[in-house]
């Protein structure tokens, strides 16, 4: 995987804060997507996905 990363800038991001009850969606590295992303929709997506693969 390091070959893939060579000369590719990697923007680090995390979904939730460990020390407080808050999310970090507003700082998602993709400026276009960050306006539409949120925790509720993410959780709904994960629940839907997991139901489908059962």
PDB file of N, CA and C in Angstrom:
ATOM      1  N   UNK A   1       0.813  -1.205   0.000  1.00  0.00           N
ATOM      2  CA  UNK A   1       0.000   0.000   0.000  1.00  0.00           C
ATOM      3  C   UNK A   1       0.855   1.267   0.000  1.00  0.00           C
ATOM      4  N   UNK A   2       2.091   1.171   0.442  1.00  0.00           N
ATOM      5  CA  UNK A   2       2.940   2.370   0.425  1.00  0.00           C
ATOM      6  C   UNK A   2       3.235   2.819  -0.999  1.00  0.00           C
ATOM      7  N   UNK A   3       3.262   1.885  -1.956  1.00  0.00           N
ATOM      8  CA  UNK A   3       3.461   2.266  -3.359  1.00  0.00           C
ATOM      9  C   UNK A   3       2.316   3.141  -3.850  1.00  0.00           C
ATOM     10  N   UNK A   4       1.129   2.834  -3.412  1.00  0.00           N
ATOM     11  CA  UNK A   4      -0.032   3.634  -3.802  1.00  0.00           C
ATOM     12  C   UNK A   4       0.060   5.028  -3.198  1.00  0.00           C
ATOM     13  N   UNK A   5       0.568   5.122  -1.984  1.00  0.00           N
ATOM     14  CA  UNK A   5       0.625   6.409  -1.287  1.00  0.00           C
ATOM     15  C   UNK A   5       1.777   7.288  -1.738  1.00  0.00           C
ATOM     16  N   UNK A   6       2.784   6.745  -2.384  1.00  0.00           N
ATOM     17  CA  UNK A   6       3.926   7.556  -2.811  1.00  0.00           C
ATOM     18  C   UNK A   6       3.448   8.738  -3.646  1.00  0.00           C
ATOM     19  N   UNK A   7       3.896   9.914  -3.267  1.00  0.00           N
ATOM     20  CA  UNK A   7       3.558  11.163  -3.961  1.00  0.00           C
ATOM     21  C   UNK A   7       2.063  11.479  -3.945  1.00  0.00           C
ATOM     22  N   UNK A   8       1.341  10.905  -3.009  1.00  0.00           N
ATOM     23  CA  UNK A   8      -0.077  11.194  -2.867  1.00  0.00           C
ATOM     24  C   UNK A   8      -0.312  11.788  -1.489  1.00  0.00           C
ATOM     25  N   UNK A   9      -0.769  13.033  -1.434  1.00  0.00           N
ATOM     26  CA  UNK A   9      -1.025  13.622  -0.115  1.00  0.00           C
ATOM     27  C   UNK A   9      -2.231  12.950   0.551  1.00  0.00           C
ATOM     28  N   UNK A  10      -2.058  12.535   1.778  1.00  0.00           N
ATOM     29  CA  UNK A  10      -3.127  11.895   2.537  1.00  0.00           C
ATOM     30  C   UNK A  10      -3.627  12.889   3.582  1.00  0.00           C
ATOM     31  N   UNK A  11      -4.924  13.187   3.512  1.00  0.00           N
ATOM     32  CA  UNK A  11      -5.522  14.082   4.497  1.00  0.00           C
ATOM     33  C   UNK A  11      -6.115  13.230   5.606  1.00  0.00           C
ATOM     34  N   UNK A  12      -5.671  13.454   6.819  1.00  0.00           N
ATOM     35  CA  UNK A  12      -6.178  12.682   7.954  1.00  0.00           C
ATOM     36  C   UNK A  12      -7.489  13.281   8.439  1.00  0.00           C
ATOM     37  N   UNK A  13      -8.389  12.408   8.852  1.00  0.00           N
ATOM     38  CA  UNK A  13      -9.700  12.825   9.326  1.00  0.00           C
ATOM     39  C   UNK A  13     -10.217  11.777  10.299  1.00  0.00           C
ATOM     40  N   UNK A  14     -11.018  12.202  11.247  1.00  0.00           N
ATOM     41  CA  UNK A  14     -11.654  11.272  12.180  1.00  0.00           C
ATOM     42  C   UNK A  14     -13.123  11.635  12.298  1.00  0.00           C
ATOM     43  N   UNK A  15     -13.964  10.619  12.511  1.00  0.00           N
ATOM     44  CA  UNK A  15     -15.408  10.814  12.525  1.00  0.00           C
ATOM     45  C   UNK A  15     -15.918  11.366  13.847  1.00  0.00           C
ATOM     46  N   UNK A  16     -15.397  10.875  14.957  1.00  0.00           N
ATOM     47  CA  UNK A  16     -15.882  11.317  16.266  1.00  0.00           C
ATOM     48  C   UNK A  16     -14.721  11.709  17.165  1.00  0.00           C
ATOM     49  N   UNK A  17     -15.016  12.566  18.106  1.00  0.00           N
ATOM     50  CA  UNK A  17     -14.034  12.974  19.104  1.00  0.00           C
ATOM     51  C   UNK A  17     -14.058  11.966  20.250  1.00  0.00           C
ATOM     52  N   UNK A  18     -12.913  11.627  20.789  1.00  0.00           N
ATOM     53  CA  UNK A  18     -12.863  10.628  21.859  1.00  0.00           C
ATOM     54  C   UNK A  18     -13.192  11.212  23.231  1.00  0.00           C
ATOM     55  N   UNK A  19     -12.969  12.484  23.420  1.00  0.00           N
ATOM     56  CA  UNK A  19     -13.138  13.078  24.746  1.00  0.00           C
ATOM     57  C   UNK A  19     -14.460  13.820  24.937  1.00  0.00           C
ATOM     58  N   UNK A  20     -15.242  13.937  23.883  1.00  0.00           N
ATOM     59  CA  UNK A  20     -16.526  14.634  24.022  1.00  0.00           C
ATOM     60  C   UNK A  20     -17.551  14.048  23.067  1.00  0.00           C
ATOM     61  N   UNK A  21     -18.797  14.331  23.331  1.00  0.00           N
ATOM     62  CA  UNK A  21     -19.890  13.790  22.526  1.00  0.00           C
ATOM     63  C   UNK A  21     -20.131  14.709  21.328  1.00  0.00           C
ATOM     64  N   UNK A  22     -19.271  14.579  20.321  1.00  0.00           N
ATOM     65  CA  UNK A  22     -19.386  15.420  19.133  1.00  0.00           C
ATOM     66  C   UNK A  22     -18.795  14.685  17.935  1.00  0.00           C
ATOM     67  N   UNK A  23     -19.205  15.106  16.751  1.00  0.00           N
ATOM     68  CA  UNK A  23     -18.668  14.510  15.530  1.00  0.00           C
ATOM     69  C   UNK A  23     -17.837  15.538  14.770  1.00  0.00           C
ATOM     70  N   UNK A  24     -17.146  15.067  13.755  1.00  0.00           N
ATOM     71  CA  UNK A  24     -16.220  15.907  12.995  1.00  0.00           C
ATOM     72  C   UNK A  24     -16.592  15.972  11.508  1.00  0.00           C
ATOM     73  N   UNK A  25     -17.860  15.735  11.184  1.00  0.00           N
ATOM     74  CA  UNK A  25     -18.271  15.718   9.781  1.00  0.00           C
ATOM     75  C   UNK A  25     -18.019  17.049   9.083  1.00  0.00           C
ATOM     76  N   UNK A  26     -18.121  18.153   9.789  1.00  0.00           N
ATOM     77  CA  UNK A  26     -17.924  19.462   9.139  1.00  0.00           C
ATOM     78  C   UNK A  26     -16.496  19.660   8.652  1.00  0.00           C
ATOM     79  N   UNK A  27     -15.574  18.846   9.124  1.00  0.00           N
ATOM     80  CA  UNK A  27     -14.176  18.936   8.685  1.00  0.00           C
ATOM     81  C   UNK A  27     -13.763  17.788   7.770  1.00  0.00           C
ATOM     82  N   UNK A  28     -14.738  17.097   7.180  1.00  0.00           N
ATOM     83  CA  UNK A  28     -14.429  16.025   6.236  1.00  0.00           C
ATOM     84  C   UNK A  28     -13.573  16.600   5.110  1.00  0.00           C
ATOM     85  N   UNK A  29     -12.498  15.902   4.718  1.00  0.00           N
ATOM     86  CA  UNK A  29     -11.527  16.477   3.777  1.00  0.00           C
ATOM     87  C   UNK A  29     -12.059  16.820   2.387  1.00  0.00           C
ATOM     88  N   UNK A  30     -13.169  16.263   1.976  1.00  0.00           N
ATOM     89  CA  UNK A  30     -13.728  16.590   0.663  1.00  0.00           C
ATOM     90  C   UNK A  30     -14.710  17.745   0.839  1.00  0.00           C
ATOM     91  N   UNK A  31     -14.324  18.929   0.397  1.00  0.00           N
ATOM     92  CA  UNK A  31     -15.145  20.119   0.635  1.00  0.00           C
ATOM     93  C   UNK A  31     -16.535  20.013   0.021  1.00  0.00           C
ATOM     94  N   UNK A  32     -16.667  19.325  -1.106  1.00  0.00           N
ATOM     95  CA  UNK A  32     -17.969  19.184  -1.752  1.00  0.00           C
ATOM     96  C   UNK A  32     -18.876  18.275  -0.929  1.00  0.00           C
ATOM     97  N   UNK A  33     -18.358  17.139  -0.504  1.00  0.00           N
ATOM     98  CA  UNK A  33     -19.169  16.174   0.245  1.00  0.00           C
ATOM     99  C   UNK A  33     -19.446  16.607   1.669  1.00  0.00           C
ATOM    100  N   UNK A  34     -18.548  17.362   2.264  1.00  0.00           N
ATOM    101  CA  UNK A  34     -18.679  17.685   3.686  1.00  0.00           C
ATOM    102  C   UNK A  34     -19.950  18.460   4.001  1.00  0.00           C
ATOM    103  N   UNK A  35     -20.517  19.136   3.020  1.00  0.00           N
ATOM    104  CA  UNK A  35     -21.743  19.895   3.265  1.00  0.00           C
ATOM    105  C   UNK A  35     -22.946  18.982   3.458  1.00  0.00           C
ATOM    106  N   UNK A  36     -22.888  17.775   2.890  1.00  0.00           N
ATOM    107  CA  UNK A  36     -24.033  16.869   2.925  1.00  0.00           C
ATOM    108  C   UNK A  36     -23.875  15.700   3.890  1.00  0.00           C
ATOM    109  N   UNK A  37     -22.714  15.549   4.500  1.00  0.00           N
ATOM    110  CA  UNK A  37     -22.468  14.398   5.364  1.00  0.00           C
ATOM    111  C   UNK A  37     -22.807  14.708   6.816  1.00  0.00           C
ATOM    112  N   UNK A  38     -23.395  13.722   7.502  1.00  0.00           N
ATOM    113  CA  UNK A  38     -23.698  13.898   8.919  1.00  0.00           C
ATOM    114  C   UNK A  38     -23.794  12.535   9.596  1.00  0.00           C
ATOM    115  N   UNK A  39     -23.781  12.534  10.891  1.00  0.00           N
ATOM    116  CA  UNK A  39     -23.753  11.299  11.675  1.00  0.00           C
ATOM    117  C   UNK A  39     -25.030  10.483  11.512  1.00  0.00           C
ATOM    118  N   UNK A  40     -26.183  11.136  11.499  1.00  0.00           N
ATOM    119  CA  UNK A  40     -27.442  10.397  11.370  1.00  0.00           C
ATOM    120  C   UNK A  40     -27.517   9.638  10.049  1.00  0.00           C
ATOM    121  N   UNK A  41     -27.157  10.295   8.952  1.00  0.00           N
ATOM    122  CA  UNK A  41     -27.180   9.628   7.648  1.00  0.00           C
ATOM    123  C   UNK A  41     -26.139   8.514   7.578  1.00  0.00           C
ATOM    124  N   UNK A  42     -24.982   8.723   8.192  1.00  0.00           N
ATOM    125  CA  UNK A  42     -23.954   7.689   8.214  1.00  0.00           C
ATOM    126  C   UNK A  42     -24.454   6.445   8.939  1.00  0.00           C
ATOM    127  N   UNK A  43     -25.061   6.646  10.094  1.00  0.00           N
ATOM    128  CA  UNK A  43     -25.564   5.505  10.865  1.00  0.00           C
ATOM    129  C   UNK A  43     -26.685   4.781  10.122  1.00  0.00           C
ATOM    130  N   UNK A  44     -27.556   5.543   9.452  1.00  0.00           N
ATOM    131  CA  UNK A  44     -28.627   4.925   8.669  1.00  0.00           C
ATOM    132  C   UNK A  44     -28.043   4.101   7.523  1.00  0.00           C
ATOM    133  N   UNK A  45     -27.012   4.613   6.877  1.00  0.00           N
ATOM    134  CA  UNK A  45     -26.344   3.878   5.805  1.00  0.00           C
ATOM    135  C   UNK A  45     -25.749   2.574   6.325  1.00  0.00           C
ATOM    136  N   UNK A  46     -25.055   2.630   7.443  1.00  0.00           N
ATOM    137  CA  UNK A  46     -24.421   1.432   8.004  1.00  0.00           C
ATOM    138  C   UNK A  46     -25.480   0.403   8.390  1.00  0.00           C
ATOM    139  N   UNK A  47     -26.553   0.837   9.035  1.00  0.00           N
ATOM    140  CA  UNK A  47     -27.614  -0.094   9.426  1.00  0.00           C
ATOM    141  C   UNK A  47     -28.241  -0.751   8.205  1.00  0.00           C
ATOM    142  N   UNK A  48     -28.505   0.029   7.165  1.00  0.00           N
ATOM    143  CA  UNK A  48     -29.080  -0.502   5.935  1.00  0.00           C
ATOM    144  C   UNK A  48     -28.133  -1.496   5.275  1.00  0.00           C
ATOM    145  N   UNK A  49     -26.879  -1.162   5.211  1.00  0.00           N
ATOM    146  CA  UNK A  49     -25.877  -2.042   4.609  1.00  0.00           C
ATOM    147  C   UNK A  49     -25.781  -3.364   5.365  1.00  0.00           C
ATOM    148  N   UNK A  50     -25.735  -3.288   6.674  1.00  0.00           N
ATOM    149  CA  UNK A  50     -25.606  -4.508   7.474  1.00  0.00           C
ATOM    150  C   UNK A  50     -26.839  -5.402   7.355  1.00  0.00           C
ATOM    151  N   UNK A  51     -28.025  -4.798   7.233  1.00  0.00           N
ATOM    152  CA  UNK A  51     -29.235  -5.596   7.031  1.00  0.00           C
ATOM    153  C   UNK A  51     -29.175  -6.341   5.698  1.00  0.00           C
ATOM    154  N   UNK A  52     -28.645  -5.696   4.673  1.00  0.00           N
ATOM    155  CA  UNK A  52     -28.588  -6.300   3.334  1.00  0.00           C
ATOM    156  C   UNK A  52     -27.608  -7.459   3.250  1.00  0.00           C
ATOM    157  N   UNK A  53     -26.544  -7.431   4.018  1.00  0.00           N
ATOM    158  CA  UNK A  53     -25.534  -8.486   3.887  1.00  0.00           C
ATOM    159  C   UNK A  53     -25.785  -9.676   4.810  1.00  0.00           C
ATOM    160  N   UNK A  54     -26.821  -9.629   5.607  1.00  0.00           N
ATOM    161  CA  UNK A  54     -27.130 -10.758   6.506  1.00  0.00           C
ATOM    162  C   UNK A  54     -27.510 -11.987   5.719  1.00  0.00           C
TER     163      UNK A  54
END
